[in-house]
Amino acid sequence: IELGWFGEKVEADVRERIGDIHLVARKRVALYNTLVASPQSRLMVGQHGGFAQEEQRIPLLGFGAFA
């Protein structure tokens, strides 16, 4: 939170849900917890969540109830 990874303002109820450990890939790989990730999820073409410039420039689009 202090480094700004979750935005400028993090609400108190959100702070409670943020985990103690975060894994962030520095290369073009996807990290999975194989104890809980389904085989189908590991076959997805698009994976997001890194610190590379191309990851940081992905726009957030809201549709339906999230618009």
C-alpha atoms as a PDB file:
ATOM      1  CA  ILE A   1       0.000   0.000   0.000  1.00  0.00           C
ATOM      2  CA  GLU A   2       2.800   2.382   0.961  1.00  0.00           C
ATOM      3  CA  LEU A   3       4.471   1.863  -2.433  1.00  0.00           C
ATOM      4  CA  GLY A   4       1.271   2.788  -4.296  1.00  0.00           C
ATOM      5  CA  TRP A   5       0.748  -0.599  -5.963  1.00  0.00           C
ATOM      6  CA  PHE A   6      -2.979  -0.474  -5.214  1.00  0.00           C
ATOM      7  CA  GLY A   7      -3.613   3.118  -6.241  1.00  0.00           C
ATOM      8  CA  GLU A   8      -3.587   6.433  -4.454  1.00  0.00           C
ATOM      9  CA  LYS A   9      -6.273   5.584  -1.879  1.00  0.00           C
ATOM     10  CA  VAL A  10      -7.061   2.176  -0.380  1.00  0.00           C
ATOM     11  CA  GLU A  11     -10.277   1.977   1.636  1.00  0.00           C
ATOM     12  CA  ALA A  12     -10.179   0.330   5.079  1.00  0.00           C
ATOM     13  CA  ASP A  13     -12.400  -2.623   4.059  1.00  0.00           C
ATOM     14  CA  VAL A  14     -10.128  -3.280   1.074  1.00  0.00           C
ATOM     15  CA  ARG A  15      -6.988  -3.157   3.241  1.00  0.00           C
ATOM     16  CA  GLU A  16      -8.368  -6.106   5.211  1.00  0.00           C
ATOM     17  CA  ARG A  17      -8.562  -8.243   2.049  1.00  0.00           C
ATOM     18  CA  ILE A  18      -5.062  -7.533   0.733  1.00  0.00           C
ATOM     19  CA  GLY A  19      -2.810 -10.494   1.454  1.00  0.00           C
ATOM     20  CA  ASP A  20       0.508 -10.462   3.292  1.00  0.00           C
ATOM     21  CA  ILE A  21       2.507 -11.921   0.392  1.00  0.00           C
ATOM     22  CA  HIS A  22       2.374 -10.889  -3.278  1.00  0.00           C
ATOM     23  CA  LEU A  23       4.236 -12.481  -6.167  1.00  0.00           C
ATOM     24  CA  VAL A  24       5.090 -10.241  -9.103  1.00  0.00           C
ATOM     25  CA  ALA A  25       6.836 -11.681 -12.142  1.00  0.00           C
ATOM     26  CA  ARG A  26       9.768  -9.748 -13.579  1.00  0.00           C
ATOM     27  CA  LYS A  27       9.773 -11.799 -16.774  1.00  0.00           C
ATOM     28  CA  ARG A  28       7.072 -12.874 -19.212  1.00  0.00           C
ATOM     29  CA  VAL A  29       5.718 -15.729 -17.114  1.00  0.00           C
ATOM     30  CA  ALA A  30       2.484 -16.478 -15.284  1.00  0.00           C
ATOM     31  CA  LEU A  31       2.595 -17.636 -11.667  1.00  0.00           C
ATOM     32  CA  TYR A  32      -0.023 -20.081 -10.382  1.00  0.00           C
ATOM     33  CA  ASN A  33      -0.731 -21.802  -7.106  1.00  0.00           C
ATOM     34  CA  THR A  34      -1.249 -25.307  -8.484  1.00  0.00           C
ATOM     35  CA  LEU A  35      -3.024 -26.337  -5.287  1.00  0.00           C
ATOM     36  CA  VAL A  36      -6.016 -24.137  -6.192  1.00  0.00           C
ATOM     37  CA  ALA A  37      -5.662 -23.092  -9.866  1.00  0.00           C
ATOM     38  CA  SER A  38      -7.690 -25.174 -12.282  1.00  0.00           C
ATOM     39  CA  PRO A  39      -5.978 -26.650 -15.346  1.00  0.00           C
ATOM     40  CA  GLN A  40      -8.339 -24.540 -17.497  1.00  0.00           C
ATOM     41  CA  SER A  41      -7.172 -21.291 -15.891  1.00  0.00           C
ATOM     42  CA  ARG A  42      -3.580 -22.101 -16.803  1.00  0.00           C
ATOM     43  CA  LEU A  43      -4.574 -22.363 -20.489  1.00  0.00           C
ATOM     44  CA  MET A  44      -5.809 -18.764 -20.751  1.00  0.00           C
ATOM     45  CA  VAL A  45      -4.160 -16.751 -23.509  1.00  0.00           C
ATOM     46  CA  GLY A  46      -4.155 -13.392 -21.698  1.00  0.00           C
ATOM     47  CA  GLN A  47      -2.410 -12.985 -18.363  1.00  0.00           C
ATOM     48  CA  HIS A  48      -2.041  -9.579 -16.686  1.00  0.00           C
ATOM     49  CA  GLY A  49      -0.562  -8.160 -13.545  1.00  0.00           C
ATOM     50  CA  GLY A  50       3.127  -7.349 -13.964  1.00  0.00           C
ATOM     51  CA  PHE A  51       5.252  -4.233 -13.734  1.00  0.00           C
ATOM     52  CA  ALA A  52       6.361  -4.193 -17.393  1.00  0.00           C
ATOM     53  CA  GLN A  53       5.384  -1.048 -19.318  1.00  0.00           C
ATOM     54  CA  GLU A  54       2.945  -2.993 -21.510  1.00  0.00           C
ATOM     55  CA  GLU A  55       1.190  -4.282 -18.375  1.00  0.00           C
ATOM     56  CA  GLN A  56       0.953  -0.859 -16.782  1.00  0.00           C
ATOM     57  CA  ARG A  57      -0.754   0.595 -19.862  1.00  0.00           C
ATOM     58  CA  ILE A  58      -3.674  -1.854 -20.018  1.00  0.00           C
ATOM     59  CA  PRO A  59      -6.884   0.208 -19.805  1.00  0.00           C
ATOM     60  CA  LEU A  60      -9.576  -0.715 -17.314  1.00  0.00           C
ATOM     61  CA  LEU A  61     -12.925  -1.076 -19.048  1.00  0.00           C
ATOM     62  CA  GLY A  62     -16.155  -1.531 -17.145  1.00  0.00           C
ATOM     63  CA  PHE A  63     -19.219  -3.200 -18.618  1.00  0.00           C
ATOM     64  CA  GLY A  64     -22.664  -4.071 -17.328  1.00  0.00           C
ATOM     65  CA  ALA A  65     -22.951  -3.621 -13.572  1.00  0.00           C
ATOM     66  CA  PHE A  66     -19.330  -2.340 -13.471  1.00  0.00           C
ATOM     67  CA  ALA A  67     -19.830   0.464 -15.997  1.00  0.00           C
END
